[in-house]
Amino acid sequence: MSNDTITVDQLTDWLTRFRDLVTEQVSYLTELDSAIGDADHGSNMTRGMGAVVEKIHASPAGTVDELFKGAGMTLVTSVGGASGPLYGTFFLRIGTTAGPRTSLDAPGLAAALRAGLGGVVARGKAEAGDKTMFDVLSPALAAFDAAVDVSSDLSTAAHAAYFAAQTGRDATRALLARKGRASYLGERSIGHIDPGAASTALLFQALVETLGEE
């Protein structure tokens, strides 16, 4: 398997692995959200990604845009709270930017992911340091872009992104929440990892696992 491109089948596997990880970590995500949110992030993500995987396996996509537009719309319509619209918009923008291709090279995936981040910003208005999924997505994609600049190997870029994602996730512990339900807690939000940041790190773990398969 070449790591210079990622196919629709691999991207489908990425979403499936993400479903598996949020399902495995549902208690952890719920625990994080219990501290600073509504205690529903784990269940919302599990239900939403379960619906996504059910849809994409029942009616396999032939192109990247079909895959991610379907995934995005499923999340927007099946998940309450902030996570459905934010992840849904992320996937929708990936699909729109990727277009009707059957595979993406490293620069193509980088551009699609960057557009996804733009969608999250447009939807949630988050900035660096707000204690949201942005604090994982932004550094992860910066690391991905930097890796792509020196190599076409997607696995290398995914590993760099995942390392930055873990660092970004852990850094949210010290931040004061300025967006969403957690912002109502003020200083009491400090000392807790943001649940959206935690689930976003799982997204990059799933990509590493997908590209590591031979």
Protein backbone atom coordinates (compact mmCIF):
# COMPACT_ATOMS: atom_id res chain seq x y z
CA MET A 1 0.00 0.00 0.00
CA SER A 2 1.37 3.38 -1.01
CA ASN A 3 1.37 6.06 1.65
CA ASP A 4 1.52 8.78 -1.01
CA THR A 5 -2.26 8.66 -1.42
CA ILE A 6 -5.29 7.74 0.63
CA THR A 7 -8.25 6.08 -1.10
CA VAL A 8 -11.99 6.32 -0.48
CA ASP A 9 -11.85 2.86 1.09
CA GLN A 10 -9.12 3.99 3.47
CA LEU A 11 -11.01 7.17 4.30
CA THR A 12 -14.06 5.03 5.04
CA ASP A 13 -11.84 2.94 7.31
CA TRP A 14 -10.67 6.15 9.00
CA LEU A 15 -14.23 7.11 9.90
CA THR A 16 -14.94 3.55 11.05
CA ARG A 17 -11.87 3.52 13.29
CA PHE A 18 -12.89 6.88 14.71
CA ARG A 19 -16.28 5.37 15.55
CA ASP A 20 -14.54 2.46 17.24
CA LEU A 21 -12.30 4.75 19.30
CA VAL A 22 -15.06 7.06 20.55
CA THR A 23 -17.10 3.96 21.41
CA GLU A 24 -14.19 2.47 23.36
CA GLN A 25 -13.56 5.80 25.10
CA VAL A 26 -17.20 6.73 25.74
CA SER A 27 -16.82 6.56 29.52
CA TYR A 28 -13.69 8.71 29.44
CA LEU A 29 -15.32 11.32 27.22
CA THR A 30 -18.40 11.30 29.44
CA GLU A 31 -16.23 11.74 32.54
CA LEU A 32 -14.48 14.74 30.98
CA ASP A 33 -17.80 16.29 29.97
CA SER A 34 -19.30 15.63 33.39
CA ALA A 35 -16.70 17.95 34.89
CA ILE A 36 -17.28 20.96 32.63
CA GLY A 37 -20.25 20.22 30.38
CA ASP A 38 -23.51 18.31 30.10
CA ALA A 39 -22.00 14.81 30.41
CA ASP A 40 -23.27 13.89 26.93
CA HIS A 41 -20.21 14.26 24.66
CA GLY A 42 -19.34 10.58 24.83
CA SER A 43 -22.86 9.38 24.13
CA ASN A 44 -23.41 12.01 21.43
CA MET A 45 -20.20 11.09 19.59
CA THR A 46 -20.84 7.37 19.90
CA ARG A 47 -24.38 7.72 18.58
CA GLY A 48 -23.36 10.12 15.83
CA MET A 49 -20.40 8.16 14.53
CA GLY A 50 -22.42 4.96 14.83
CA ALA A 51 -24.99 6.50 12.51
CA VAL A 52 -22.24 7.65 10.13
CA VAL A 53 -20.66 4.21 9.88
CA GLU A 54 -24.03 2.53 9.46
CA LYS A 55 -24.78 4.86 6.54
CA ILE A 56 -21.44 4.59 4.77
CA HIS A 57 -21.35 0.81 5.00
CA ALA A 58 -24.96 0.43 3.86
CA SER A 59 -24.30 2.66 0.85
CA PRO A 60 -20.56 2.81 0.14
CA ALA A 61 -19.31 6.08 -1.36
CA GLY A 62 -17.51 6.12 -4.67
CA THR A 63 -15.82 9.49 -4.21
CA VAL A 64 -14.31 11.49 -1.38
CA ASP A 65 -16.91 14.24 -1.52
CA GLU A 66 -19.76 11.73 -1.43
CA LEU A 67 -18.24 10.03 1.62
CA PHE A 68 -17.67 13.14 3.71
CA LYS A 69 -20.79 15.02 2.69
CA GLY A 70 -22.81 11.99 3.72
CA ALA A 71 -20.90 11.70 7.00
CA GLY A 72 -21.26 15.40 7.71
CA MET A 73 -24.99 15.54 7.05
CA THR A 74 -25.54 12.46 9.21
CA LEU A 75 -23.77 14.10 12.14
CA VAL A 76 -25.56 17.41 11.76
CA THR A 77 -28.94 15.68 11.76
CA SER A 78 -28.34 12.96 14.36
CA VAL A 79 -26.28 14.56 17.15
CA GLY A 80 -27.38 17.17 19.63
CA GLY A 81 -25.23 19.68 21.43
CA ALA A 82 -22.23 21.32 19.81
CA SER A 83 -20.41 18.20 18.63
CA GLY A 84 -22.80 17.26 15.82
CA PRO A 85 -22.77 20.63 14.04
CA LEU A 86 -19.02 21.12 14.57
CA TYR A 87 -17.86 17.68 13.44
CA GLY A 88 -20.54 17.67 10.76
CA THR A 89 -19.31 20.97 9.35
CA PHE A 90 -15.73 19.70 9.53
CA PHE A 91 -16.58 16.66 7.40
CA LEU A 92 -18.81 18.62 5.01
CA ARG A 93 -16.00 21.09 4.25
CA ILE A 94 -13.55 18.21 3.72
CA GLY A 95 -15.93 16.72 1.15
CA THR A 96 -16.58 20.00 -0.63
CA THR A 97 -12.87 20.79 -0.91
CA ALA A 98 -11.79 17.28 -1.91
CA GLY A 99 -14.38 17.04 -4.68
CA PRO A 100 -15.34 13.96 -6.72
CA ARG A 101 -11.99 12.21 -6.42
CA THR A 102 -11.38 8.55 -5.58
CA SER A 103 -8.17 9.29 -3.67
CA LEU A 104 -6.20 12.19 -2.20
CA ASP A 105 -2.47 12.82 -2.15
CA ALA A 106 -0.80 14.43 0.85
CA PRO A 107 -1.30 18.06 -0.28
CA GLY A 108 -4.89 17.24 -1.23
CA LEU A 109 -5.71 15.78 2.16
CA ALA A 110 -3.93 18.68 3.88
CA ALA A 111 -6.05 21.19 1.95
CA ALA A 112 -9.26 19.30 2.73
CA LEU A 113 -8.45 19.10 6.43
CA ARG A 114 -7.55 22.79 6.49
CA ALA A 115 -10.93 23.59 4.93
CA GLY A 116 -12.54 21.45 7.61
CA LEU A 117 -10.86 23.55 10.29
CA GLY A 118 -12.17 26.65 8.55
CA GLY A 119 -15.66 25.22 8.84
CA VAL A 120 -15.25 24.60 12.54
CA VAL A 121 -14.09 28.18 13.06
CA ALA A 122 -16.99 29.56 11.00
CA ARG A 123 -19.49 27.47 12.97
CA GLY A 124 -18.08 27.78 16.48
CA LYS A 125 -16.13 31.07 16.34
CA ALA A 126 -13.39 29.48 18.45
CA GLU A 127 -9.84 30.76 18.62
CA ALA A 128 -6.60 29.42 20.06
CA GLY A 129 -6.78 29.18 23.83
CA ASP A 130 -10.59 29.01 24.07
CA LYS A 131 -10.41 25.41 25.39
CA THR A 132 -12.19 23.74 22.46
CA MET A 133 -11.50 21.22 19.69
CA PHE A 134 -9.77 24.12 17.86
CA ASP A 135 -6.89 23.79 20.33
CA VAL A 136 -6.26 20.31 18.93
CA LEU A 137 -7.23 20.77 15.29
CA SER A 138 -5.12 23.86 14.68
CA PRO A 139 -1.75 22.56 15.96
CA ALA A 140 -2.41 19.11 14.51
CA LEU A 141 -3.00 20.52 11.04
CA ALA A 142 -0.01 22.84 11.36
CA ALA A 143 2.11 19.77 12.07
CA PHE A 144 0.46 17.88 9.20
CA ASP A 145 1.16 20.74 6.80
CA ALA A 146 4.77 21.03 7.94
CA ALA A 147 5.34 17.31 7.41
CA VAL A 148 3.74 17.41 3.95
CA ASP A 149 6.06 20.26 2.98
CA VAL A 150 9.06 17.96 3.31
CA SER A 151 7.59 14.56 2.40
CA SER A 152 4.69 13.09 0.44
CA ASP A 153 4.34 10.27 2.97
CA LEU A 154 0.89 10.52 4.56
CA SER A 155 1.75 8.22 7.45
CA THR A 156 4.59 10.50 8.53
CA ALA A 157 2.28 13.51 8.36
CA ALA A 158 -0.45 11.70 10.31
CA HIS A 159 1.98 10.75 13.07
CA ALA A 160 3.17 14.35 13.34
CA ALA A 161 -0.43 15.54 13.51
CA TYR A 162 -1.34 12.99 16.17
CA PHE A 163 1.60 13.96 18.36
CA ALA A 164 0.58 17.63 18.12
CA ALA A 165 -3.04 16.65 18.78
CA GLN A 166 -2.11 14.87 22.01
CA THR A 167 -0.06 17.87 23.11
CA GLY A 168 -2.92 20.23 22.28
CA ARG A 169 -5.43 18.04 24.10
CA ASP A 170 -3.36 17.91 27.26
CA ALA A 171 -2.73 21.67 27.11
CA THR A 172 -6.47 22.37 27.38
CA ARG A 173 -6.30 21.26 31.01
CA ALA A 174 -4.68 24.55 32.01
CA LEU A 175 -6.97 26.76 29.93
CA LEU A 176 -9.94 28.84 30.99
CA ALA A 177 -12.95 27.90 28.86
CA ARG A 178 -14.23 30.81 26.78
CA LYS A 179 -16.75 28.98 24.58
CA GLY A 180 -19.69 26.67 25.10
CA ARG A 181 -21.19 25.20 28.24
CA ALA A 182 -17.81 25.04 29.99
CA SER A 183 -17.41 28.82 29.77
CA TYR A 184 -20.21 29.23 32.33
CA LEU A 185 -17.92 27.71 34.96
CA GLY A 186 -15.32 30.45 34.70
CA GLU A 187 -12.21 29.64 36.75
CA ARG A 188 -13.64 26.24 37.69
CA SER A 189 -13.12 25.08 34.09
CA ILE A 190 -9.37 25.22 34.67
CA GLY A 191 -7.82 21.86 35.53
CA HIS A 192 -9.97 19.78 33.19
CA ILE A 193 -9.23 18.49 29.69
CA ASP A 194 -11.79 19.65 27.15
CA PRO A 195 -13.91 16.68 25.96
CA GLY A 196 -14.07 17.98 22.39
CA ALA A 197 -10.31 18.26 22.35
CA ALA A 198 -10.07 14.67 23.59
CA SER A 199 -12.36 13.29 20.89
CA THR A 200 -10.50 15.29 18.22
CA ALA A 201 -7.24 13.68 19.28
CA LEU A 202 -8.94 10.30 18.71
CA LEU A 203 -9.68 11.40 15.14
CA PHE A 204 -5.96 11.70 14.46
CA GLN A 205 -5.21 8.45 16.28
CA ALA A 206 -7.68 6.77 13.91
CA LEU A 207 -5.89 8.29 10.90
CA VAL A 208 -2.53 6.98 12.13
CA GLU A 209 -4.01 3.51 12.57
CA THR A 210 -5.60 3.59 9.13
CA LEU A 211 -2.41 4.58 7.34
CA GLY A 212 -0.39 2.09 9.36
CA GLU A 213 -2.30 -0.86 7.96
CA GLU A 214 -0.54 -2.78 5.21
